[in-house]
Structures are given as structure tokens and as C-alpha cells.
N, C-alpha and C. Protein backbone atom coordinates (compact mmCIF):
# COMPACT_ATOMS: atom_id res chain seq x y z
N UNK A 1 129.81 188.15 142.46
CA UNK A 1 130.94 188.40 143.09
C UNK A 1 130.60 190.00 143.41
N UNK A 2 130.03 190.96 142.55
CA UNK A 2 129.79 192.19 142.86
C UNK A 2 129.33 192.80 144.37
N UNK A 3 128.42 191.74 144.93
CA UNK A 3 128.09 191.12 146.21
C UNK A 3 128.62 191.40 147.70
N UNK A 4 129.62 191.26 146.86
CA UNK A 4 131.00 190.73 148.08
C UNK A 4 131.92 192.11 148.13
N UNK A 5 131.60 193.32 147.01
CA UNK A 5 132.50 194.76 147.08
C UNK A 5 132.13 195.79 148.05
N UNK A 6 130.88 194.96 148.66
CA UNK A 6 130.51 196.08 149.97
C UNK A 6 131.25 195.69 151.24
N UNK A 7 131.53 194.14 151.04
CA UNK A 7 132.18 193.81 152.27
C UNK A 7 134.07 194.43 152.57
N UNK A 8 134.29 194.20 150.92
CA UNK A 8 135.48 195.17 150.78
C UNK A 8 136.00 196.21 151.62
N UNK A 9 135.30 197.05 151.86
CA UNK A 9 135.61 198.60 152.88
C UNK A 9 135.48 197.89 154.29
N UNK A 10 134.78 196.73 154.44
CA UNK A 10 134.97 196.39 155.93
C UNK A 10 136.26 196.08 156.26
N UNK A 11 137.17 195.39 155.22
CA UNK A 11 138.53 194.71 155.54
C UNK A 11 139.86 195.86 155.56
N UNK A 12 139.51 197.12 155.04
CA UNK A 12 140.19 198.21 155.39
C UNK A 12 140.16 198.51 156.57
N UNK A 13 141.30 199.29 156.88
CA UNK A 13 141.79 199.64 158.36
C UNK A 13 142.90 200.67 158.55
N UNK A 14 142.36 201.91 158.58
CA UNK A 14 143.07 203.27 158.80
C UNK A 14 143.44 203.54 159.79
N UNK A 15 144.89 203.22 160.21
CA UNK A 15 145.63 203.22 161.58
C UNK A 15 145.90 204.59 161.81
N UNK A 16 145.14 205.65 160.79
CA UNK A 16 145.75 206.97 161.42
C UNK A 16 146.64 207.88 161.93
N UNK A 17 147.55 207.11 161.22
CA UNK A 17 149.08 207.85 161.72
C UNK A 17 149.17 208.82 160.43
N UNK A 18 150.02 209.74 161.38
CA UNK A 18 150.17 211.27 160.05
C UNK A 18 152.05 211.98 160.76
N UNK A 19 152.61 212.54 159.92
CA UNK A 19 153.83 212.50 160.07
C UNK A 19 153.51 213.98 161.35
N UNK A 20 153.96 214.30 161.91
CA UNK A 20 153.95 215.13 163.04
C UNK A 20 155.50 216.04 163.58
N UNK A 21 155.64 216.98 163.26
CA UNK A 21 156.76 217.88 163.57
C UNK A 21 156.81 218.36 165.22
N UNK A 22 157.68 217.57 165.90
CA UNK A 22 157.95 218.20 167.29
C UNK A 22 157.73 216.45 168.08
N UNK A 23 157.40 215.77 167.48
CA UNK A 23 156.71 214.34 167.93
C UNK A 23 158.00 213.62 168.98
N UNK A 24 159.47 213.58 168.91
CA UNK A 24 160.15 212.93 168.98
C UNK A 24 161.49 214.09 169.65
N UNK A 25 161.67 213.99 170.77
CA UNK A 25 163.23 214.86 171.28
C UNK A 25 164.44 214.12 170.38
N UNK A 26 165.46 215.00 169.84
CA UNK A 26 166.34 215.24 168.85
C UNK A 26 165.94 215.68 167.54
N UNK A 27 164.62 215.36 167.24
CA UNK A 27 164.18 216.11 165.90
C UNK A 27 164.82 216.95 164.76
N UNK A 28 165.32 218.42 165.80
CA UNK A 28 166.29 219.15 165.65
C UNK A 28 167.74 218.93 164.49
N UNK A 29 168.36 217.79 165.68
CA UNK A 29 169.47 217.32 165.75
C UNK A 29 169.73 216.53 164.34
N UNK A 30 168.64 215.85 164.40
CA UNK A 30 168.21 214.65 163.27
C UNK A 30 168.17 215.66 161.54
N UNK A 31 167.68 216.73 161.89
CA UNK A 31 167.70 217.64 160.77
C UNK A 31 168.71 218.51 160.46
N UNK A 32 169.66 218.69 161.69
CA UNK A 32 171.02 219.47 161.28
C UNK A 32 172.17 218.40 160.49
N UNK A 33 172.06 217.15 160.79
CA UNK A 33 172.45 216.27 160.59
C UNK A 33 172.39 216.15 158.79
N UNK A 34 171.20 215.82 159.09
CA UNK A 34 170.80 215.27 157.71
C UNK A 34 171.29 216.67 156.39
N UNK A 35 170.97 217.78 156.83
CA UNK A 35 171.65 218.78 156.07
C UNK A 35 172.56 219.13 155.94
N UNK A 36 173.66 218.49 157.32
CA UNK A 36 175.11 219.04 157.07
C UNK A 36 175.66 217.67 155.83
N UNK A 37 175.12 216.48 156.34
CA UNK A 37 175.18 215.26 155.14
C UNK A 37 175.14 216.06 153.52
N UNK A 38 173.74 216.75 153.33
CA UNK A 38 173.43 216.79 151.88
C UNK A 38 174.34 218.00 152.06
N UNK A 39 174.96 218.29 152.73
CA UNK A 39 176.11 219.90 152.23
C UNK A 39 177.49 219.01 151.22
N UNK A 40 177.76 218.19 152.71
CA UNK A 40 179.17 217.26 152.01
C UNK A 40 178.71 216.97 151.16
N UNK A 41 177.86 215.99 150.79
CA UNK A 41 177.51 215.48 149.67
C UNK A 41 177.48 216.65 147.97
N UNK A 42 176.60 217.63 148.42
CA UNK A 42 177.04 219.03 147.57
C UNK A 42 177.97 219.02 147.04
N UNK A 43 179.08 218.74 147.99
CA UNK A 43 180.54 219.59 147.89
C UNK A 43 181.40 218.68 147.11
N UNK A 44 181.05 217.04 147.72
CA UNK A 44 181.62 216.12 146.73
C UNK A 44 181.27 215.96 145.34
N UNK A 45 179.87 216.73 144.89
CA UNK A 45 179.46 216.30 143.59
C UNK A 45 180.44 217.51 142.72
N UNK A 46 180.45 218.87 143.59
CA UNK A 46 181.37 219.79 142.47
C UNK A 46 182.85 219.19 142.30
N UNK A 47 183.34 219.08 143.29
CA UNK A 47 184.51 218.15 143.06
C UNK A 47 184.64 217.01 142.23
N UNK A 48 183.77 216.16 142.24
CA UNK A 48 183.62 215.47 141.05
C UNK A 48 183.33 215.82 139.64
N UNK A 49 182.52 216.66 139.72
CA UNK A 49 182.52 217.81 138.14
C UNK A 49 183.35 218.29 137.73
N UNK A 50 184.71 218.70 138.97
CA UNK A 50 185.66 219.24 138.02
C UNK A 50 186.79 218.17 137.74
N UNK A 51 186.61 217.60 138.37
CA UNK A 51 187.67 216.19 137.91
C UNK A 51 186.97 215.53 136.84
N UNK A 52 185.54 215.56 136.89
CA UNK A 52 185.47 214.53 135.37
C UNK A 52 185.30 215.65 133.95
N UNK A 53 185.30 216.85 134.02
CA UNK A 53 186.29 218.10 133.59
C UNK A 53 186.85 218.08 133.16
N UNK A 54 188.21 217.73 133.68
CA UNK A 54 189.61 217.78 133.32
C UNK A 54 189.40 216.42 132.86
N UNK A 55 189.48 215.31 132.86
CA UNK A 55 189.31 214.17 132.34
C UNK A 55 188.84 214.12 131.10
N UNK A 56 187.77 214.91 131.02
CA UNK A 56 186.82 215.19 129.75
C UNK A 56 187.87 216.22 128.90
N UNK A 57 188.69 217.16 129.28
CA UNK A 57 189.49 217.98 128.16
C UNK A 57 190.81 217.39 128.04
N UNK A 58 191.27 216.46 129.17
CA UNK A 58 192.62 215.73 128.65
C UNK A 58 192.16 214.55 127.83
N UNK A 59 191.02 213.81 127.64
CA UNK A 59 190.95 213.20 126.76
C UNK A 59 190.65 213.34 125.62
N UNK A 60 190.07 214.86 125.45
CA UNK A 60 189.52 215.42 124.06
C UNK A 60 191.18 215.99 123.36
N UNK A 61 192.10 216.88 124.14
CA UNK A 61 193.56 217.00 123.67
C UNK A 61 194.71 216.00 123.77
N UNK A 62 194.38 214.94 123.85
CA UNK A 62 195.36 213.45 124.04
C UNK A 62 194.78 212.78 123.13
N UNK A 63 193.75 212.69 122.63
CA UNK A 63 192.79 212.12 121.78
C UNK A 63 192.77 210.43 122.38
N UNK A 64 192.42 210.79 123.40
CA UNK A 64 192.40 209.11 124.24
C UNK A 64 190.47 209.11 124.35
N UNK A 65 189.97 208.66 122.98
CA UNK A 65 188.61 208.31 123.00
C UNK A 65 187.93 208.29 124.41
N UNK A 66 188.05 206.66 124.82
CA UNK A 66 188.03 206.29 126.02
C UNK A 66 187.67 207.34 127.41
N UNK A 67 189.07 208.18 127.73
CA UNK A 67 189.03 208.83 128.46
C UNK A 67 187.86 210.13 128.72
N UNK A 68 187.84 210.93 127.11
CA UNK A 68 187.24 211.63 126.66
C UNK A 68 185.75 211.10 127.12
N UNK A 69 185.20 209.89 126.75
CA UNK A 69 183.73 209.28 127.36
C UNK A 69 183.66 209.51 128.52
N UNK A 70 184.42 209.11 129.31
CA UNK A 70 184.56 208.24 130.63
C UNK A 70 184.43 210.10 131.80
N UNK A 71 185.02 210.71 130.88
CA UNK A 71 184.98 212.43 131.54
C UNK A 71 183.23 212.64 131.21
N UNK A 72 182.92 212.65 130.22
CA UNK A 72 181.62 212.73 130.12
C UNK A 72 180.44 212.64 130.68
N UNK A 73 181.09 210.60 131.18
CA UNK A 73 180.27 209.92 131.94
C UNK A 73 179.82 210.83 133.08
N UNK A 74 181.69 211.15 133.85
CA UNK A 74 181.42 211.64 135.22
C UNK A 74 180.45 212.41 135.36
N UNK A 75 180.72 213.76 134.28
CA UNK A 75 179.79 214.65 134.74
C UNK A 75 178.33 214.48 134.32
N UNK A 76 177.74 213.95 133.62
CA UNK A 76 176.32 213.63 133.41
C UNK A 76 175.97 212.85 134.81
N UNK A 77 176.37 212.04 135.17
CA UNK A 77 176.69 211.81 136.72
C UNK A 77 176.70 212.65 138.01
N UNK A 78 177.58 213.59 137.58
CA UNK A 78 177.88 214.75 138.68
C UNK A 78 176.87 215.52 138.71
N UNK A 79 175.98 215.68 137.49
CA UNK A 79 175.02 216.67 137.34
C UNK A 79 173.81 216.07 137.94
N UNK A 80 173.34 214.74 137.20
CA UNK A 80 172.25 214.06 138.35
C UNK A 80 172.59 213.70 139.40
N UNK A 81 173.62 213.66 140.31
CA UNK A 81 173.72 213.66 141.60
C UNK A 81 173.11 215.03 141.87
N UNK A 82 173.83 216.09 141.80
CA UNK A 82 173.41 217.92 142.06
C UNK A 82 171.92 217.62 141.91
N UNK A 83 171.17 217.14 140.98
CA UNK A 83 169.81 217.55 140.14
C UNK A 83 168.96 216.66 141.71
N UNK A 84 169.23 215.41 142.14
CA UNK A 84 168.91 214.97 143.04
C UNK A 84 169.03 215.35 144.41
N UNK A 85 170.31 215.74 145.10
CA UNK A 85 170.15 216.25 145.99
C UNK A 85 169.77 217.83 145.99
N UNK A 86 169.73 218.79 145.26
CA UNK A 86 169.13 219.88 145.15
C UNK A 86 167.83 219.84 145.50
N UNK A 87 166.67 218.81 144.67
CA UNK A 87 165.28 218.11 144.84
C UNK A 87 164.83 217.57 145.49
N UNK A 88 165.93 216.74 146.62
CA UNK A 88 165.67 215.56 147.68
C UNK A 88 164.65 216.46 148.55
N UNK A 89 164.20 217.11 148.83
CA UNK A 89 163.07 217.69 149.86
C UNK A 89 161.89 217.70 148.78
N UNK A 90 161.81 218.45 147.63
CA UNK A 90 160.61 218.33 146.52
C UNK A 90 159.84 217.03 146.40
N UNK A 91 160.85 215.83 146.57
CA UNK A 91 160.38 214.57 145.77
C UNK A 91 160.39 214.43 146.69
N UNK A 92 160.90 214.15 147.83
CA UNK A 92 160.12 213.44 149.09
C UNK A 92 158.75 214.19 149.39
N UNK A 93 158.40 215.26 149.52
CA UNK A 93 157.42 216.09 149.69
C UNK A 93 156.32 215.59 148.43
N UNK A 94 157.08 215.79 147.10
CA UNK A 94 155.65 215.18 146.58
C UNK A 94 154.99 213.99 146.40
N UNK A 95 156.36 212.57 146.66
CA UNK A 95 155.39 211.71 146.77
C UNK A 95 154.59 211.12 148.45
N UNK A 96 155.48 212.19 149.36
CA UNK A 96 154.32 212.00 150.56
C UNK A 96 152.86 212.54 150.16
N UNK A 97 152.93 213.45 149.43
CA UNK A 97 151.68 214.40 149.34
C UNK A 97 150.60 213.44 148.11
N UNK A 98 151.30 212.68 147.53
CA UNK A 98 150.67 211.52 146.92
C UNK A 98 150.33 210.22 147.70
N UNK A 99 151.02 210.13 148.37
CA UNK A 99 150.66 208.86 149.70
C UNK A 99 149.87 208.66 150.51
N UNK A 100 149.62 210.40 151.08
CA UNK A 100 148.44 211.09 151.73
C UNK A 100 146.95 210.87 150.69
N UNK A 101 146.98 210.58 149.46
CA UNK A 101 145.53 210.81 149.06
C UNK A 101 145.46 209.53 148.54
N UNK A 102 146.32 208.17 148.73
CA UNK A 102 146.09 207.34 148.22
C UNK A 102 145.28 206.84 149.15
N UNK A 103 143.92 205.95 148.53
CA UNK A 103 142.38 205.57 149.43
C UNK A 103 142.27 204.05 148.91
């Protein structure tokens, strides 16, 4: 079994593909589009956080424990979405760097 390990390296193939900016036309338009989508998503998350806060407060003041729980849940989901939207570039860059180090 140990005799076959050097041959395993011969089976690996490096296609040599690396991300390059400016390779395709329209890349700037695509970046602007994604930036705009991110902006709209952040605005939607702010709205969701406001609605969740209102539901949470309404449920608390009326004694509706179900509404209070749904308001808390909505606030946590909105906070998680805001975290992911804000960290999207960093998360993708981190895993892209990890992926380039895989041998």
C-alpha cells in the first residue's frame, strides 16, 4: 500500500485557474448590482427589526406570550441577517483564502 502513495501525486491535476479582476466585460456592472441588492437587503432588515420590535412590545404589553416570542424570534433573525449581510465580503474572502491553501 505504501508503494502506491507516490503514484497518487501523479493523479492530481492543477488546472491553474485563479480569480482575476477585469477578465470579463461588465464586471463593474455586476459589482454595482450586487452592492445595490445588498443595500436593499439591509434596508429590509432594518424594517424587519422595527416590525419585530413592535410585535415584541405589543405582545409584552397585551400579555400575549406567543406574540412576544415571535417578536423576539423576528428580532434575532433580523440581527442574524444583518450580521451575514455586513460580513458577506469577509466570509467569502476568508473561505476563498482557505480554499486557495488546500493542496
